């Protein structure tokens, strides 16, 4: 019973840490994922890149590396956000 409780707490903490990581990334000038991308990609991030959490640049690199393995929804919003980010960088 105690192990199940601590496992659940650990999973919830990981979700909150990932959400906070994505929120921190979107408030910086480096790379910003939309809230839609956060919502669509959280499961993929845990499935494919959990070893990189909470390092945002490593999570981003891992997600890009595993683009072919992403869910369709995550892939589409990441592609859109990456294109928008590239456009912002080109304008600077």
PDB file of N, CA and C in Angstrom:
ATOM      1  N   UNK A   1       0.833  -1.189   0.000  1.00  0.00           N
ATOM      2  CA  UNK A   1       0.000   0.000   0.000  1.00  0.00           C
ATOM      3  C   UNK A   1       0.879   1.255   0.000  1.00  0.00           C
ATOM      4  N   UNK A   2       1.886   1.286   0.849  1.00  0.00           N
ATOM      5  CA  UNK A   2       2.756   2.451   0.930  1.00  0.00           C
ATOM      6  C   UNK A   2       3.535   2.635  -0.357  1.00  0.00           C
ATOM      7  N   UNK A   3       4.020   1.548  -0.926  1.00  0.00           N
ATOM      8  CA  UNK A   3       4.767   1.633  -2.182  1.00  0.00           C
ATOM      9  C   UNK A   3       3.887   2.167  -3.296  1.00  0.00           C
ATOM     10  N   UNK A   4       2.633   1.757  -3.345  1.00  0.00           N
ATOM     11  CA  UNK A   4       1.697   2.239  -4.361  1.00  0.00           C
ATOM     12  C   UNK A   4       1.476   3.739  -4.181  1.00  0.00           C
ATOM     13  N   UNK A   5       1.322   4.174  -2.946  1.00  0.00           N
ATOM     14  CA  UNK A   5       1.114   5.593  -2.665  1.00  0.00           C
ATOM     15  C   UNK A   5       2.317   6.416  -3.107  1.00  0.00           C
ATOM     16  N   UNK A   6       3.517   5.984  -2.753  1.00  0.00           N
ATOM     17  CA  UNK A   6       4.717   6.729  -3.121  1.00  0.00           C
ATOM     18  C   UNK A   6       4.945   6.716  -4.635  1.00  0.00           C
ATOM     19  N   UNK A   7       4.593   5.619  -5.286  1.00  0.00           N
ATOM     20  CA  UNK A   7       4.705   5.555  -6.738  1.00  0.00           C
ATOM     21  C   UNK A   7       3.753   6.566  -7.382  1.00  0.00           C
ATOM     22  N   UNK A   8       2.525   6.670  -6.859  1.00  0.00           N
ATOM     23  CA  UNK A   8       1.556   7.641  -7.384  1.00  0.00           C
ATOM     24  C   UNK A   8       2.032   9.068  -7.150  1.00  0.00           C
ATOM     25  N   UNK A   9       2.577   9.333  -5.968  1.00  0.00           N
ATOM     26  CA  UNK A   9       3.093  10.670  -5.657  1.00  0.00           C
ATOM     27  C   UNK A   9       4.255  11.008  -6.583  1.00  0.00           C
ATOM     28  N   UNK A  10       5.115  10.042  -6.836  1.00  0.00           N
ATOM     29  CA  UNK A  10       6.253  10.261  -7.723  1.00  0.00           C
ATOM     30  C   UNK A  10       5.785  10.578  -9.139  1.00  0.00           C
ATOM     31  N   UNK A  11       4.785   9.863  -9.637  1.00  0.00           N
ATOM     32  CA  UNK A  11       4.258  10.120 -10.980  1.00  0.00           C
ATOM     33  C   UNK A  11       3.625  11.505 -11.068  1.00  0.00           C
ATOM     34  N   UNK A  12       2.841  11.873 -10.071  1.00  0.00           N
ATOM     35  CA  UNK A  12       2.217  13.201 -10.069  1.00  0.00           C
ATOM     36  C   UNK A  12       3.290  14.282 -10.000  1.00  0.00           C
ATOM     37  N   UNK A  13       4.299  14.073  -9.189  1.00  0.00           N
ATOM     38  CA  UNK A  13       5.395  15.040  -9.095  1.00  0.00           C
ATOM     39  C   UNK A  13       6.121  15.179 -10.423  1.00  0.00           C
ATOM     40  N   UNK A  14       6.314  14.071 -11.111  1.00  0.00           N
ATOM     41  CA  UNK A  14       6.976  14.117 -12.416  1.00  0.00           C
ATOM     42  C   UNK A  14       6.156  14.898 -13.428  1.00  0.00           C
ATOM     43  N   UNK A  15       4.846  14.684 -13.424  1.00  0.00           N
ATOM     44  CA  UNK A  15       3.970  15.429 -14.334  1.00  0.00           C
ATOM     45  C   UNK A  15       4.048  16.917 -14.030  1.00  0.00           C
ATOM     46  N   UNK A  16       3.998  17.263 -12.766  1.00  0.00           N
ATOM     47  CA  UNK A  16       4.081  18.675 -12.388  1.00  0.00           C
ATOM     48  C   UNK A  16       5.437  19.262 -12.750  1.00  0.00           C
ATOM     49  N   UNK A  17       6.490  18.502 -12.585  1.00  0.00           N
ATOM     50  CA  UNK A  17       7.826  18.986 -12.946  1.00  0.00           C
ATOM     51  C   UNK A  17       7.928  19.216 -14.444  1.00  0.00           C
ATOM     52  N   UNK A  18       7.393  18.301 -15.234  1.00  0.00           N
ATOM     53  CA  UNK A  18       7.431  18.472 -16.683  1.00  0.00           C
ATOM     54  C   UNK A  18       6.605  19.679 -17.106  1.00  0.00           C
ATOM     55  N   UNK A  19       5.435  19.824 -16.519  1.00  0.00           N
ATOM     56  CA  UNK A  19       4.587  20.971 -16.838  1.00  0.00           C
ATOM     57  C   UNK A  19       5.296  22.266 -16.472  1.00  0.00           C
ATOM     58  N   UNK A  20       5.921  22.294 -15.316  1.00  0.00           N
ATOM     59  CA  UNK A  20       6.664  23.488 -14.902  1.00  0.00           C
ATOM     60  C   UNK A  20       7.843  23.743 -15.827  1.00  0.00           C
ATOM     61  N   UNK A  21       8.489  22.672 -16.277  1.00  0.00           N
ATOM     62  CA  UNK A  21       9.612  22.829 -17.201  1.00  0.00           C
ATOM     63  C   UNK A  21       9.163  23.449 -18.515  1.00  0.00           C
ATOM     64  N   UNK A  22       8.058  22.949 -19.057  1.00  0.00           N
ATOM     65  CA  UNK A  22       7.539  23.516 -20.297  1.00  0.00           C
ATOM     66  C   UNK A  22       7.083  24.957 -20.089  1.00  0.00           C
ATOM     67  N   UNK A  23       6.493  25.242 -18.931  1.00  0.00           N
ATOM     68  CA  UNK A  23       6.069  26.616 -18.652  1.00  0.00           C
ATOM     69  C   UNK A  23       7.272  27.537 -18.559  1.00  0.00           C
ATOM     70  N   UNK A  24       8.325  27.070 -17.933  1.00  0.00           N
ATOM     71  CA  UNK A  24       9.540  27.879 -17.836  1.00  0.00           C
ATOM     72  C   UNK A  24      10.142  28.105 -19.213  1.00  0.00           C
ATOM     73  N   UNK A  25      10.100  27.088 -20.043  1.00  0.00           N
ATOM     74  CA  UNK A  25      10.648  27.227 -21.396  1.00  0.00           C
ATOM     75  C   UNK A  25       9.855  28.240 -22.204  1.00  0.00           C
ATOM     76  N   UNK A  26       8.545  28.250 -22.021  1.00  0.00           N
ATOM     77  CA  UNK A  26       7.755  29.174 -22.814  1.00  0.00           C
ATOM     78  C   UNK A  26       7.870  30.612 -22.332  1.00  0.00           C
ATOM     79  N   UNK A  27       8.440  30.818 -21.157  1.00  0.00           N
ATOM     80  CA  UNK A  27       8.620  32.184 -20.688  1.00  0.00           C
ATOM     81  C   UNK A  27      10.022  32.717 -21.002  1.00  0.00           C
ATOM     82  N   UNK A  28      10.859  31.886 -21.614  1.00  0.00           N
ATOM     83  CA  UNK A  28      12.206  32.320 -21.962  1.00  0.00           C
ATOM     84  C   UNK A  28      12.291  32.628 -23.441  1.00  0.00           C
ATOM     85  N   UNK A  29      13.347  33.277 -23.846  1.00  0.00           N
ATOM     86  CA  UNK A  29      13.520  33.634 -25.247  1.00  0.00           C
ATOM     87  C   UNK A  29      14.077  32.479 -26.072  1.00  0.00           C
ATOM     88  N   UNK A  30      14.574  31.433 -25.430  1.00  0.00           N
ATOM     89  CA  UNK A  30      15.232  30.359 -26.169  1.00  0.00           C
ATOM     90  C   UNK A  30      14.251  29.553 -27.019  1.00  0.00           C
ATOM     91  N   UNK A  31      13.379  28.818 -26.410  1.00  0.00           N
ATOM     92  CA  UNK A  31      12.419  28.030 -27.155  1.00  0.00           C
ATOM     93  C   UNK A  31      11.129  27.993 -26.384  1.00  0.00           C
ATOM     94  N   UNK A  32      10.028  28.225 -27.069  1.00  0.00           N
ATOM     95  CA  UNK A  32       8.736  28.289 -26.400  1.00  0.00           C
ATOM     96  C   UNK A  32       7.760  27.318 -27.043  1.00  0.00           C
ATOM     97  N   UNK A  33       7.261  26.388 -26.266  1.00  0.00           N
ATOM     98  CA  UNK A  33       6.187  25.521 -26.715  1.00  0.00           C
ATOM     99  C   UNK A  33       4.878  26.146 -26.284  1.00  0.00           C
ATOM    100  N   UNK A  34       3.869  26.023 -27.113  1.00  0.00           N
ATOM    101  CA  UNK A  34       2.548  26.533 -26.762  1.00  0.00           C
ATOM    102  C   UNK A  34       1.936  25.655 -25.675  1.00  0.00           C
ATOM    103  N   UNK A  35       0.907  26.179 -25.034  1.00  0.00           N
ATOM    104  CA  UNK A  35       0.221  25.374 -24.020  1.00  0.00           C
ATOM    105  C   UNK A  35      -0.428  24.154 -24.674  1.00  0.00           C
ATOM    106  N   UNK A  36      -0.825  24.287 -25.936  1.00  0.00           N
ATOM    107  CA  UNK A  36      -1.377  23.143 -26.658  1.00  0.00           C
ATOM    108  C   UNK A  36      -0.320  22.055 -26.825  1.00  0.00           C
ATOM    109  N   UNK A  37       0.913  22.450 -27.142  1.00  0.00           N
ATOM    110  CA  UNK A  37       1.994  21.474 -27.276  1.00  0.00           C
ATOM    111  C   UNK A  37       2.275  20.804 -25.941  1.00  0.00           C
ATOM    112  N   UNK A  38       2.238  21.569 -24.873  1.00  0.00           N
ATOM    113  CA  UNK A  38       2.448  20.984 -23.545  1.00  0.00           C
ATOM    114  C   UNK A  38       1.406  19.913 -23.283  1.00  0.00           C
ATOM    115  N   UNK A  39       0.167  20.232 -23.597  1.00  0.00           N
ATOM    116  CA  UNK A  39      -0.928  19.299 -23.353  1.00  0.00           C
ATOM    117  C   UNK A  39      -0.824  18.067 -24.253  1.00  0.00           C
ATOM    118  N   UNK A  40      -0.510  18.272 -25.515  1.00  0.00           N
ATOM    119  CA  UNK A  40      -0.478  17.176 -26.477  1.00  0.00           C
ATOM    120  C   UNK A  40       0.765  16.297 -26.323  1.00  0.00           C
ATOM    121  N   UNK A  41       1.851  16.848 -25.778  1.00  0.00           N
ATOM    122  CA  UNK A  41       3.136  16.142 -25.795  1.00  0.00           C
ATOM    123  C   UNK A  41       3.600  15.607 -24.442  1.00  0.00           C
ATOM    124  N   UNK A  42       2.893  15.895 -23.379  1.00  0.00           N
ATOM    125  CA  UNK A  42       3.349  15.449 -22.060  1.00  0.00           C
ATOM    126  C   UNK A  42       3.514  13.932 -22.018  1.00  0.00           C
ATOM    127  N   UNK A  43       2.543  13.213 -22.525  1.00  0.00           N
ATOM    128  CA  UNK A  43       2.633  11.747 -22.527  1.00  0.00           C
ATOM    129  C   UNK A  43       3.812  11.250 -23.345  1.00  0.00           C
ATOM    130  N   UNK A  44       4.032  11.876 -24.505  1.00  0.00           N
ATOM    131  CA  UNK A  44       5.159  11.496 -25.347  1.00  0.00           C
ATOM    132  C   UNK A  44       6.486  11.799 -24.660  1.00  0.00           C
ATOM    133  N   UNK A  45       6.551  12.931 -23.981  1.00  0.00           N
ATOM    134  CA  UNK A  45       7.785  13.293 -23.284  1.00  0.00           C
ATOM    135  C   UNK A  45       8.115  12.259 -22.203  1.00  0.00           C
ATOM    136  N   UNK A  46       7.112  11.826 -21.470  1.00  0.00           N
ATOM    137  CA  UNK A  46       7.349  10.804 -20.449  1.00  0.00           C
ATOM    138  C   UNK A  46       7.716   9.471 -21.089  1.00  0.00           C
ATOM    139  N   UNK A  47       7.063   9.123 -22.168  1.00  0.00           N
ATOM    140  CA  UNK A  47       7.292   7.836 -22.819  1.00  0.00           C
ATOM    141  C   UNK A  47       8.660   7.776 -23.482  1.00  0.00           C
ATOM    142  N   UNK A  48       9.069   8.858 -24.141  1.00  0.00           N
ATOM    143  CA  UNK A  48      10.280   8.824 -24.950  1.00  0.00           C
ATOM    144  C   UNK A  48      11.496   9.472 -24.289  1.00  0.00           C
ATOM    145  N   UNK A  49      11.269  10.452 -23.416  1.00  0.00           N
ATOM    146  CA  UNK A  49      12.381  11.283 -22.940  1.00  0.00           C
ATOM    147  C   UNK A  49      12.399  11.459 -21.424  1.00  0.00           C
ATOM    148  N   UNK A  50      11.840  10.525 -20.694  1.00  0.00           N
ATOM    149  CA  UNK A  50      11.751  10.690 -19.244  1.00  0.00           C
ATOM    150  C   UNK A  50      13.116  10.831 -18.584  1.00  0.00           C
ATOM    151  N   UNK A  51      14.143  10.247 -19.178  1.00  0.00           N
ATOM    152  CA  UNK A  51      15.484  10.336 -18.584  1.00  0.00           C
ATOM    153  C   UNK A  51      16.050  11.753 -18.670  1.00  0.00           C
ATOM    154  N   UNK A  52      15.485  12.600 -19.523  1.00  0.00           N
ATOM    155  CA  UNK A  52      15.980  13.963 -19.702  1.00  0.00           C
ATOM    156  C   UNK A  52      15.272  14.984 -18.813  1.00  0.00           C
ATOM    157  N   UNK A  53      14.189  14.594 -18.177  1.00  0.00           N
ATOM    158  CA  UNK A  53      13.420  15.507 -17.328  1.00  0.00           C
ATOM    159  C   UNK A  53      14.244  15.838 -16.095  1.00  0.00           C
ATOM    160  N   UNK A  54      14.418  17.073 -15.693  1.00  0.00           N
ATOM    161  CA  UNK A  54      13.745  18.320 -16.057  1.00  0.00           C
ATOM    162  C   UNK A  54      14.566  19.230 -16.977  1.00  0.00           C
ATOM    163  N   UNK A  55      15.585  18.725 -17.653  1.00  0.00           N
ATOM    164  CA  UNK A  55      16.457  19.544 -18.489  1.00  0.00           C
ATOM    165  C   UNK A  55      15.742  19.889 -19.802  1.00  0.00           C
ATOM    166  N   UNK A  56      15.228  21.105 -19.905  1.00  0.00           N
ATOM    167  CA  UNK A  56      14.389  21.507 -21.034  1.00  0.00           C
ATOM    168  C   UNK A  56      15.102  21.389 -22.378  1.00  0.00           C
ATOM    169  N   UNK A  57      16.329  21.880 -22.524  1.00  0.00           N
ATOM    170  CA  UNK A  57      16.989  21.712 -23.831  1.00  0.00           C
ATOM    171  C   UNK A  57      17.166  20.243 -24.218  1.00  0.00           C
ATOM    172  N   UNK A  58      17.449  19.387 -23.248  1.00  0.00           N
ATOM    173  CA  UNK A  58      17.606  17.965 -23.552  1.00  0.00           C
ATOM    174  C   UNK A  58      16.270  17.315 -23.894  1.00  0.00           C
ATOM    175  N   UNK A  59      15.194  17.727 -23.208  1.00  0.00           N
ATOM    176  CA  UNK A  59      13.866  17.208 -23.544  1.00  0.00           C
ATOM    177  C   UNK A  59      13.522  17.606 -24.974  1.00  0.00           C
ATOM    178  N   UNK A  60      13.761  18.867 -25.313  1.00  0.00           N
ATOM    179  CA  UNK A  60      13.464  19.356 -26.658  1.00  0.00           C
ATOM    180  C   UNK A  60      14.254  18.578 -27.700  1.00  0.00           C
ATOM    181  N   UNK A  61      15.545  18.408 -27.468  1.00  0.00           N
ATOM    182  CA  UNK A  61      16.386  17.663 -28.406  1.00  0.00           C
ATOM    183  C   UNK A  61      15.910  16.213 -28.532  1.00  0.00           C
ATOM    184  N   UNK A  62      15.544  15.615 -27.426  1.00  0.00           N
ATOM    185  CA  UNK A  62      15.068  14.235 -27.430  1.00  0.00           C
ATOM    186  C   UNK A  62      13.768  14.111 -28.214  1.00  0.00           C
ATOM    187  N   UNK A  63      12.854  15.054 -28.011  1.00  0.00           N
ATOM    188  CA  UNK A  63      11.578  15.011 -28.717  1.00  0.00           C
ATOM    189  C   UNK A  63      11.796  15.189 -30.214  1.00  0.00           C
ATOM    190  N   UNK A  64      12.710  16.053 -30.598  1.00  0.00           N
ATOM    191  CA  UNK A  64      13.007  16.250 -32.014  1.00  0.00           C
ATOM    192  C   UNK A  64      13.657  14.987 -32.584  1.00  0.00           C
ATOM    193  N   UNK A  65      14.563  14.392 -31.820  1.00  0.00           N
ATOM    194  CA  UNK A  65      15.235  13.158 -32.251  1.00  0.00           C
ATOM    195  C   UNK A  65      14.223  12.033 -32.474  1.00  0.00           C
ATOM    196  N   UNK A  66      13.209  11.982 -31.618  1.00  0.00           N
ATOM    197  CA  UNK A  66      12.199  10.919 -31.685  1.00  0.00           C
ATOM    198  C   UNK A  66      10.938  11.370 -32.401  1.00  0.00           C
ATOM    199  N   UNK A  67      11.066  12.350 -33.297  1.00  0.00           N
ATOM    200  CA  UNK A  67       9.906  12.913 -33.983  1.00  0.00           C
ATOM    201  C   UNK A  67       9.040  11.828 -34.620  1.00  0.00           C
ATOM    202  N   UNK A  68       9.649  10.836 -35.230  1.00  0.00           N
ATOM    203  CA  UNK A  68       8.904   9.764 -35.902  1.00  0.00           C
ATOM    204  C   UNK A  68       8.080   8.934 -34.920  1.00  0.00           C
ATOM    205  N   UNK A  69       8.465   8.941 -33.647  1.00  0.00           N
ATOM    206  CA  UNK A  69       7.779   8.142 -32.633  1.00  0.00           C
ATOM    207  C   UNK A  69       6.716   8.924 -31.875  1.00  0.00           C
ATOM    208  N   UNK A  70       6.589  10.227 -32.159  1.00  0.00           N
ATOM    209  CA  UNK A  70       5.617  11.059 -31.457  1.00  0.00           C
ATOM    210  C   UNK A  70       4.204  10.731 -31.911  1.00  0.00           C
ATOM    211  N   UNK A  71       3.247  10.986 -31.031  1.00  0.00           N
ATOM    212  CA  UNK A  71       1.850  10.855 -31.436  1.00  0.00           C
ATOM    213  C   UNK A  71       1.571  11.905 -32.510  1.00  0.00           C
ATOM    214  N   UNK A  72       0.554  11.659 -33.316  1.00  0.00           N
ATOM    215  CA  UNK A  72       0.236  12.568 -34.423  1.00  0.00           C
ATOM    216  C   UNK A  72      -0.071  13.976 -33.916  1.00  0.00           C
ATOM    217  N   UNK A  73      -0.813  14.081 -32.824  1.00  0.00           N
ATOM    218  CA  UNK A  73      -1.160  15.392 -32.283  1.00  0.00           C
ATOM    219  C   UNK A  73       0.056  16.151 -31.789  1.00  0.00           C
ATOM    220  N   UNK A  74       0.929  15.474 -31.084  1.00  0.00           N
ATOM    221  CA  UNK A  74       2.147  16.106 -30.579  1.00  0.00           C
ATOM    222  C   UNK A  74       3.035  16.538 -31.743  1.00  0.00           C
ATOM    223  N   UNK A  75       3.195  15.657 -32.720  1.00  0.00           N
ATOM    224  CA  UNK A  75       4.048  15.974 -33.869  1.00  0.00           C
ATOM    225  C   UNK A  75       3.544  17.213 -34.598  1.00  0.00           C
ATOM    226  N   UNK A  76       2.235  17.318 -34.784  1.00  0.00           N
ATOM    227  CA  UNK A  76       1.701  18.460 -35.533  1.00  0.00           C
ATOM    228  C   UNK A  76       1.894  19.772 -34.777  1.00  0.00           C
ATOM    229  N   UNK A  77       1.645  19.785 -33.460  1.00  0.00           N
ATOM    230  CA  UNK A  77       1.824  21.046 -32.727  1.00  0.00           C
ATOM    231  C   UNK A  77       3.302  21.382 -32.559  1.00  0.00           C
ATOM    232  N   UNK A  78       4.152  20.368 -32.406  1.00  0.00           N
ATOM    233  CA  UNK A  78       5.588  20.659 -32.323  1.00  0.00           C
ATOM    234  C   UNK A  78       6.105  21.222 -33.638  1.00  0.00           C
ATOM    235  N   UNK A  79       5.661  20.653 -34.759  1.00  0.00           N
ATOM    236  CA  UNK A  79       6.078  21.169 -36.061  1.00  0.00           C
ATOM    237  C   UNK A  79       5.638  22.621 -36.221  1.00  0.00           C
ATOM    238  N   UNK A  80       4.416  22.898 -35.829  1.00  0.00           N
ATOM    239  CA  UNK A  80       3.896  24.266 -35.923  1.00  0.00           C
ATOM    240  C   UNK A  80       4.687  25.211 -35.028  1.00  0.00           C
ATOM    241  N   UNK A  81       4.946  24.801 -33.789  1.00  0.00           N
ATOM    242  CA  UNK A  81       5.682  25.652 -32.854  1.00  0.00           C
ATOM    243  C   UNK A  81       7.133  25.846 -33.292  1.00  0.00           C
ATOM    244  N   UNK A  82       7.753  24.790 -33.815  1.00  0.00           N
ATOM    245  CA  UNK A  82       9.131  24.912 -34.301  1.00  0.00           C
ATOM    246  C   UNK A  82       9.202  25.868 -35.489  1.00  0.00           C
ATOM    247  N   UNK A  83       8.225  25.779 -36.395  1.00  0.00           N
ATOM    248  CA  UNK A  83       8.198  26.680 -37.552  1.00  0.00           C
ATOM    249  C   UNK A  83       8.001  28.120 -37.098  1.00  0.00           C
ATOM    250  N   UNK A  84       7.128  28.328 -36.122  1.00  0.00           N
ATOM    251  CA  UNK A  84       6.901  29.685 -35.605  1.00  0.00           C
ATOM    252  C   UNK A  84       8.151  30.215 -34.916  1.00  0.00           C
ATOM    253  N   UNK A  85       8.830  29.349 -34.185  1.00  0.00           N
ATOM    254  CA  UNK A  85      10.059  29.759 -33.494  1.00  0.00           C
ATOM    255  C   UNK A  85      11.146  30.130 -34.510  1.00  0.00           C
ATOM    256  N   UNK A  86      11.278  29.343 -35.559  1.00  0.00           N
ATOM    257  CA  UNK A  86      12.265  29.648 -36.595  1.00  0.00           C
ATOM    258  C   UNK A  86      11.951  30.972 -37.252  1.00  0.00           C
ATOM    259  N   UNK A  87      10.665  31.251 -37.468  1.00  0.00           N
ATOM    260  CA  UNK A  87      10.263  32.522 -38.048  1.00  0.00           C
ATOM    261  C   UNK A  87      10.622  33.695 -37.154  1.00  0.00           C
ATOM    262  N   UNK A  88      10.458  33.525 -35.848  1.00  0.00           N
ATOM    263  CA  UNK A  88      10.814  34.584 -34.890  1.00  0.00           C
ATOM    264  C   UNK A  88      12.320  34.818 -34.885  1.00  0.00           C
ATOM    265  N   UNK A  89      13.088  33.727 -34.942  1.00  0.00           N
ATOM    266  CA  UNK A  89      14.536  33.865 -34.943  1.00  0.00           C
ATOM    267  C   UNK A  89      15.019  34.533 -36.223  1.00  0.00           C
ATOM    268  N   UNK A  90      14.394  34.209 -37.350  1.00  0.00           N
ATOM    269  CA  UNK A  90      14.779  34.810 -38.628  1.00  0.00           C
ATOM    270  C   UNK A  90      14.470  36.306 -38.634  1.00  0.00           C
ATOM    271  N   UNK A  91      13.400  36.704 -37.960  1.00  0.00           N
ATOM    272  CA  UNK A  91      13.004  38.114 -37.924  1.00  0.00           C
ATOM    273  C   UNK A  91      13.956  38.941 -37.056  1.00  0.00           C
ATOM    274  N   UNK A  92      14.649  38.290 -36.140  1.00  0.00           N
ATOM    275  CA  UNK A  92      15.555  39.020 -35.250  1.00  0.00           C
ATOM    276  C   UNK A  92      16.795  39.295 -35.979  1.00  0.00           C
TER     277      UNK A  92
END
